Amino acid sequence: MKRLLATIAALLIALPLTAAELGDDGLHKTPWMRDTFKDLREDLEEANAEGKRLVLFFEQRGCVYCTKMHEEVFPQPEITKMIEENYFVVQLNLHGDIEVTDFDGEMLSEKAMARKWGILFTPTLMFLPEEVAEDTTAPQAAVAMMPGAFAPGTTLDLFTWVAAKRYLLDNDEDFQRYHARRIQERDDGRTD
């Protein structure tokens, strides 16, 4: 009986905080993702009107790292709150056929745009500034990119770093140094 209870307890601990739903396209769906026409100029306008930052979020069907982020990282209350309060998130499918309009006006399918932008991994998050010149592509304008799955602390620190516009500061604290400082402050030096 003790063994059964221990097994049940281990399974409960291993369960995600909240299970991310999968859409018909096989991608994870969250309440903070926006369903848009994927015209990045319009998405940026809408994000700015809401006082939020535009983030492009590439995923693909069957991505185990996307699942990890949706089940273990994004449901963390502090991370969910950060995203909901500060970000306008547009999901893109690495192999999708929906048309996307880049800031430079070029219209391509999601998969062709991913190739144009050099997106190789999922998940990949691309953080955009509030203003983007007309002749600029999304990756040229991006203030930060996060290719791959990361632990909650790293993810929260990046979202915080971008929201606080720390990339504009004229000092020696780039994201890696900021993150290292936050680890020290938060966890007395333990990694996340």
C-alpha atoms as a PDB file:
ATOM      1  CA  MET A   1       0.000   0.000   0.000  1.00  0.00           C
ATOM      2  CA  LYS A   2       2.842   2.399   0.840  1.00  0.00           C
ATOM      3  CA  ARG A   3       4.423   1.673  -2.525  1.00  0.00           C
ATOM      4  CA  LEU A   4       1.131   2.447  -4.313  1.00  0.00           C
ATOM      5  CA  LEU A   5       0.709   5.719  -2.427  1.00  0.00           C
ATOM      6  CA  ALA A   6       4.314   6.678  -3.174  1.00  0.00           C
ATOM      7  CA  THR A   7       3.750   5.948  -6.880  1.00  0.00           C
ATOM      8  CA  ILE A   8       0.546   8.007  -6.936  1.00  0.00           C
ATOM      9  CA  ALA A   9       2.285  10.878  -5.136  1.00  0.00           C
ATOM     10  CA  ALA A  10       5.166  10.779  -7.634  1.00  0.00           C
ATOM     11  CA  LEU A  11       2.720  10.869 -10.542  1.00  0.00           C
ATOM     12  CA  LEU A  12       0.846  13.821  -9.057  1.00  0.00           C
ATOM     13  CA  ILE A  13       4.070  15.738  -8.559  1.00  0.00           C
ATOM     14  CA  ALA A  14       5.052  15.047 -12.177  1.00  0.00           C
ATOM     15  CA  LEU A  15       1.769  16.387 -13.559  1.00  0.00           C
ATOM     16  CA  PRO A  16       1.887  19.851 -15.128  1.00  0.00           C
ATOM     17  CA  LEU A  17       0.420  22.799 -13.228  1.00  0.00           C
ATOM     18  CA  THR A  18      -2.183  23.120 -15.972  1.00  0.00           C
ATOM     19  CA  ALA A  19      -2.342  21.081 -19.128  1.00  0.00           C
ATOM     20  CA  ALA A  20      -1.928  23.125 -22.289  1.00  0.00           C
ATOM     21  CA  GLU A  21      -4.638  22.451 -24.835  1.00  0.00           C
ATOM     22  CA  LEU A  22      -3.726  21.381 -28.344  1.00  0.00           C
ATOM     23  CA  GLY A  23      -5.484  23.028 -31.260  1.00  0.00           C
ATOM     24  CA  ASP A  24      -6.549  21.345 -34.492  1.00  0.00           C
ATOM     25  CA  ASP A  25      -3.152  22.324 -35.910  1.00  0.00           C
ATOM     26  CA  GLY A  26      -1.381  20.333 -33.176  1.00  0.00           C
ATOM     27  CA  LEU A  27       0.005  23.474 -31.519  1.00  0.00           C
ATOM     28  CA  HIS A  28      -0.463  24.412 -27.877  1.00  0.00           C
ATOM     29  CA  LYS A  29      -3.094  27.044 -27.180  1.00  0.00           C
ATOM     30  CA  THR A  30      -3.110  29.401 -24.216  1.00  0.00           C
ATOM     31  CA  PRO A  31      -5.456  32.229 -23.273  1.00  0.00           C
ATOM     32  CA  TRP A  32      -2.661  34.790 -23.731  1.00  0.00           C
ATOM     33  CA  MET A  33      -2.026  33.907 -27.383  1.00  0.00           C
ATOM     34  CA  ARG A  34      -3.681  36.181 -29.932  1.00  0.00           C
ATOM     35  CA  ASP A  35      -5.491  34.997 -33.033  1.00  0.00           C
ATOM     36  CA  THR A  36      -4.595  37.644 -35.621  1.00  0.00           C
ATOM     37  CA  PHE A  37      -4.386  38.038 -39.390  1.00  0.00           C
ATOM     38  CA  LYS A  38      -0.596  37.747 -38.942  1.00  0.00           C
ATOM     39  CA  ASP A  39       0.171  41.108 -40.493  1.00  0.00           C
ATOM     40  CA  LEU A  40       3.023  42.082 -38.194  1.00  0.00           C
ATOM     41  CA  ARG A  41       2.530  45.808 -38.789  1.00  0.00           C
ATOM     42  CA  GLU A  42      -1.085  45.523 -37.595  1.00  0.00           C
ATOM     43  CA  ASP A  43      -0.097  43.239 -34.722  1.00  0.00           C
ATOM     44  CA  LEU A  44       2.518  45.764 -33.586  1.00  0.00           C
ATOM     45  CA  GLU A  45      -0.049  48.574 -33.733  1.00  0.00           C
ATOM     46  CA  GLU A  46      -2.511  46.557 -31.674  1.00  0.00           C
ATOM     47  CA  ALA A  47       0.152  45.582 -29.142  1.00  0.00           C
ATOM     48  CA  ASN A  48       1.202  49.231 -28.782  1.00  0.00           C
ATOM     49  CA  ALA A  49      -2.433  50.332 -28.397  1.00  0.00           C
ATOM     50  CA  GLU A  50      -2.707  47.925 -25.446  1.00  0.00           C
ATOM     51  CA  GLY A  51       0.616  49.074 -23.988  1.00  0.00           C
ATOM     52  CA  LYS A  52       2.151  45.645 -24.610  1.00  0.00           C
ATOM     53  CA  ARG A  53       5.178  44.235 -26.404  1.00  0.00           C
ATOM     54  CA  LEU A  54       4.791  42.069 -29.500  1.00  0.00           C
ATOM     55  CA  VAL A  55       6.268  38.566 -29.276  1.00  0.00           C
ATOM     56  CA  LEU A  56       6.297  36.077 -32.138  1.00  0.00           C
ATOM     57  CA  PHE A  57       6.187  32.484 -30.924  1.00  0.00           C
ATOM     58  CA  PHE A  58       7.194  29.710 -33.340  1.00  0.00           C
ATOM     59  CA  GLU A  59       6.074  26.166 -32.516  1.00  0.00           C
ATOM     60  CA  GLN A  60       5.518  22.922 -34.428  1.00  0.00           C
ATOM     61  CA  ARG A  61       3.291  19.880 -34.062  1.00  0.00           C
ATOM     62  CA  GLY A  62       4.850  17.242 -31.806  1.00  0.00           C
ATOM     63  CA  CYS A  63       7.519  19.537 -30.360  1.00  0.00           C
ATOM     64  CA  VAL A  64       8.475  18.033 -27.003  1.00  0.00           C
ATOM     65  CA  TYR A  65      10.251  21.233 -25.979  1.00  0.00           C
ATOM     66  CA  CYS A  66       7.137  23.301 -26.732  1.00  0.00           C
ATOM     67  CA  THR A  67       5.169  20.876 -24.562  1.00  0.00           C
ATOM     68  CA  LYS A  68       7.734  21.283 -21.783  1.00  0.00           C
ATOM     69  CA  MET A  69       7.371  25.073 -21.908  1.00  0.00           C
ATOM     70  CA  HIS A  70       3.570  24.919 -21.965  1.00  0.00           C
ATOM     71  CA  GLU A  71       3.296  22.374 -19.171  1.00  0.00           C
ATOM     72  CA  GLU A  72       6.181  23.284 -16.865  1.00  0.00           C
ATOM     73  CA  VAL A  73       7.209  26.896 -17.501  1.00  0.00           C
ATOM     74  CA  PHE A  74       4.397  29.090 -18.819  1.00  0.00           C
ATOM     75  CA  PRO A  75       1.857  27.918 -16.187  1.00  0.00           C
ATOM     76  CA  GLN A  76       4.106  29.252 -13.388  1.00  0.00           C
ATOM     77  CA  PRO A  77       1.944  32.042 -11.884  1.00  0.00           C
ATOM     78  CA  GLU A  78       4.678  34.691 -12.048  1.00  0.00           C
ATOM     79  CA  ILE A  79       5.422  33.898 -15.704  1.00  0.00           C
ATOM     80  CA  THR A  80       1.762  33.762 -16.734  1.00  0.00           C
ATOM     81  CA  LYS A  81       1.179  37.118 -15.040  1.00  0.00           C
ATOM     82  CA  MET A  82       4.236  38.667 -16.736  1.00  0.00           C
ATOM     83  CA  ILE A  83       3.051  37.519 -20.172  1.00  0.00           C
ATOM     84  CA  GLU A  84      -0.601  38.482 -19.693  1.00  0.00           C
ATOM     85  CA  GLU A  85       0.226  41.944 -18.366  1.00  0.00           C
ATOM     86  CA  ASN A  86       3.058  42.878 -20.707  1.00  0.00           C
ATOM     87  CA  TYR A  87       2.961  40.902 -23.944  1.00  0.00           C
ATOM     88  CA  PHE A  88       0.920  40.478 -27.118  1.00  0.00           C
ATOM     89  CA  VAL A  89       1.843  36.969 -28.279  1.00  0.00           C
ATOM     90  CA  VAL A  90       1.305  35.823 -31.869  1.00  0.00           C
ATOM     91  CA  GLN A  91       1.799  32.106 -32.487  1.00  0.00           C
ATOM     92  CA  LEU A  92       3.372  30.943 -35.755  1.00  0.00           C
ATOM     93  CA  ASN A  93       3.659  27.372 -37.038  1.00  0.00           C
ATOM     94  CA  LEU A  94       7.160  26.408 -38.235  1.00  0.00           C
ATOM     95  CA  HIS A  95       5.537  24.235 -40.946  1.00  0.00           C
ATOM     96  CA  GLY A  96       2.338  26.243 -41.394  1.00  0.00           C
ATOM     97  CA  ASP A  97       0.695  27.588 -44.531  1.00  0.00           C
ATOM     98  CA  ILE A  98      -1.043  30.666 -43.096  1.00  0.00           C
ATOM     99  CA  GLU A  99       0.126  33.862 -44.772  1.00  0.00           C
ATOM    100  CA  VAL A 100       2.285  36.197 -42.683  1.00  0.00           C
ATOM    101  CA  THR A 101       3.127  39.782 -43.626  1.00  0.00           C
ATOM    102  CA  ASP A 102       6.563  40.870 -42.445  1.00  0.00           C
ATOM    103  CA  PHE A 103       7.341  44.456 -41.436  1.00  0.00           C
ATOM    104  CA  ASP A 104       9.043  44.947 -44.826  1.00  0.00           C
ATOM    105  CA  GLY A 105       5.715  44.123 -46.536  1.00  0.00           C
ATOM    106  CA  GLU A 106       6.700  40.699 -47.855  1.00  0.00           C
ATOM    107  CA  MET A 107       3.917  38.125 -47.588  1.00  0.00           C
ATOM    108  CA  LEU A 108       4.900  34.479 -47.182  1.00  0.00           C
ATOM    109  CA  SER A 109       3.494  31.342 -45.614  1.00  0.00           C
ATOM    110  CA  GLU A 110       4.530  30.692 -42.016  1.00  0.00           C
ATOM    111  CA  LYS A 111       6.993  28.002 -43.149  1.00  0.00           C
ATOM    112  CA  ALA A 112       8.513  30.233 -45.838  1.00  0.00           C
ATOM    113  CA  MET A 113       8.765  33.115 -43.354  1.00  0.00           C
ATOM    114  CA  ALA A 114      10.491  30.806 -40.868  1.00  0.00           C
ATOM    115  CA  ARG A 115      13.058  29.977 -43.566  1.00  0.00           C
ATOM    116  CA  LYS A 116      13.471  33.667 -44.480  1.00  0.00           C
ATOM    117  CA  TRP A 117      14.061  34.527 -40.833  1.00  0.00           C
ATOM    118  CA  GLY A 118      16.358  31.577 -40.156  1.00  0.00           C
ATOM    119  CA  ILE A 119      14.129  30.001 -37.512  1.00  0.00           C
ATOM    120  CA  LEU A 120      15.542  26.520 -36.931  1.00  0.00           C
ATOM    121  CA  PHE A 121      14.237  25.465 -33.515  1.00  0.00           C
ATOM    122  CA  THR A 122      10.964  25.311 -31.677  1.00  0.00           C
ATOM    123  CA  PRO A 123       9.997  26.906 -29.525  1.00  0.00           C
ATOM    124  CA  THR A 124      11.515  30.201 -30.650  1.00  0.00           C
ATOM    125  CA  LEU A 125      10.323  33.492 -29.212  1.00  0.00           C
ATOM    126  CA  MET A 126      11.141  36.750 -30.993  1.00  0.00           C
ATOM    127  CA  PHE A 127      10.683  39.962 -28.979  1.00  0.00           C
ATOM    128  CA  LEU A 128       9.954  43.117 -31.007  1.00  0.00           C
ATOM    129  CA  PRO A 129      10.427  46.797 -30.121  1.00  0.00           C
ATOM    130  CA  GLU A 130       7.533  49.251 -30.127  1.00  0.00           C
ATOM    131  CA  GLU A 131       8.644  50.762 -33.454  1.00  0.00           C
ATOM    132  CA  VAL A 132       9.913  48.947 -36.540  1.00  0.00           C
ATOM    133  CA  ALA A 133      11.013  50.656 -39.772  1.00  0.00           C
ATOM    134  CA  GLU A 134       9.064  49.709 -42.922  1.00  0.00           C
ATOM    135  CA  ASP A 135      12.040  48.207 -44.728  1.00  0.00           C
ATOM    136  CA  THR A 136      13.047  46.021 -41.773  1.00  0.00           C
ATOM    137  CA  THR A 137      12.364  42.327 -41.231  1.00  0.00           C
ATOM    138  CA  ALA A 138      11.227  40.983 -37.876  1.00  0.00           C
ATOM    139  CA  PRO A 139      14.597  39.412 -36.952  1.00  0.00           C
ATOM    140  CA  GLN A 140      16.445  42.594 -37.943  1.00  0.00           C
ATOM    141  CA  ALA A 141      14.193  44.561 -35.587  1.00  0.00           C
ATOM    142  CA  ALA A 142      14.091  42.016 -32.740  1.00  0.00           C
ATOM    143  CA  VAL A 143      15.498  43.156 -29.411  1.00  0.00           C
ATOM    144  CA  ALA A 144      15.886  39.544 -28.235  1.00  0.00           C
ATOM    145  CA  MET A 145      15.302  35.985 -29.392  1.00  0.00           C
ATOM    146  CA  MET A 146      14.863  32.858 -27.303  1.00  0.00           C
ATOM    147  CA  PRO A 147      15.475  29.707 -29.370  1.00  0.00           C
ATOM    148  CA  GLY A 148      14.634  26.604 -27.390  1.00  0.00           C
ATOM    149  CA  ALA A 149      13.122  25.617 -24.068  1.00  0.00           C
ATOM    150  CA  PHE A 150      14.473  27.146 -20.885  1.00  0.00           C
ATOM    151  CA  ALA A 151      13.828  26.805 -17.169  1.00  0.00           C
ATOM    152  CA  PRO A 152      11.294  29.070 -15.449  1.00  0.00           C
ATOM    153  CA  GLY A 153      13.913  31.436 -14.000  1.00  0.00           C
ATOM    154  CA  THR A 154      15.634  32.018 -17.339  1.00  0.00           C
ATOM    155  CA  THR A 155      12.299  32.506 -19.099  1.00  0.00           C
ATOM    156  CA  LEU A 156      11.004  34.951 -16.492  1.00  0.00           C
ATOM    157  CA  ASP A 157      14.275  36.862 -16.526  1.00  0.00           C
ATOM    158  CA  LEU A 158      14.170  37.273 -20.313  1.00  0.00           C
ATOM    159  CA  PHE A 159      10.551  38.440 -20.327  1.00  0.00           C
ATOM    160  CA  THR A 160      11.389  40.841 -17.474  1.00  0.00           C
ATOM    161  CA  TRP A 161      14.582  42.088 -19.172  1.00  0.00           C
ATOM    162  CA  VAL A 162      12.661  42.901 -22.374  1.00  0.00           C
ATOM    163  CA  ALA A 163       9.662  44.456 -20.576  1.00  0.00           C
ATOM    164  CA  ALA A 164      12.013  46.730 -18.614  1.00  0.00           C
ATOM    165  CA  LYS A 165      13.839  47.653 -21.864  1.00  0.00           C
ATOM    166  CA  ARG A 166      17.156  46.763 -20.248  1.00  0.00           C
ATOM    167  CA  TYR A 167      18.586  46.154 -23.736  1.00  0.00           C
ATOM    168  CA  LEU A 168      18.561  49.963 -24.179  1.00  0.00           C
ATOM    169  CA  LEU A 169      20.722  50.663 -21.124  1.00  0.00           C
ATOM    170  CA  ASP A 170      24.198  51.908 -21.849  1.00  0.00           C
ATOM    171  CA  ASN A 171      25.982  49.636 -19.399  1.00  0.00           C
ATOM    172  CA  ASP A 172      27.790  46.318 -19.380  1.00  0.00           C
ATOM    173  CA  GLU A 173      24.794  44.297 -18.189  1.00  0.00           C
ATOM    174  CA  ASP A 174      23.626  42.380 -21.238  1.00  0.00           C
ATOM    175  CA  PHE A 175      20.991  39.677 -20.735  1.00  0.00           C
ATOM    176  CA  GLN A 176      23.470  36.998 -19.619  1.00  0.00           C
ATOM    177  CA  ARG A 177      24.916  39.275 -16.918  1.00  0.00           C
ATOM    178  CA  TYR A 178      21.428  40.387 -15.881  1.00  0.00           C
ATOM    179  CA  HIS A 179      20.317  36.755 -15.634  1.00  0.00           C
ATOM    180  CA  ALA A 180      23.412  35.798 -13.606  1.00  0.00           C
ATOM    181  CA  ARG A 181      22.713  38.670 -11.200  1.00  0.00           C
ATOM    182  CA  ARG A 182      19.055  37.633 -10.883  1.00  0.00           C
ATOM    183  CA  ILE A 183      20.090  34.031 -10.120  1.00  0.00           C
ATOM    184  CA  GLN A 184      22.302  35.323  -7.305  1.00  0.00           C
ATOM    185  CA  GLU A 185      19.542  37.547  -5.931  1.00  0.00           C
ATOM    186  CA  ARG A 186      16.779  34.988  -6.278  1.00  0.00           C
ATOM    187  CA  ASP A 187      18.469  31.729  -5.392  1.00  0.00           C
ATOM    188  CA  ASP A 188      21.684  32.631  -3.623  1.00  0.00           C
ATOM    189  CA  GLY A 189      23.667  31.282  -6.545  1.00  0.00           C
ATOM    190  CA  ARG A 190      21.787  28.075  -7.353  1.00  0.00           C
ATOM    191  CA  THR A 191      20.993  27.697 -11.024  1.00  0.00           C
ATOM    192  CA  ASP A 192      17.382  27.412 -12.134  1.00  0.00           C
END
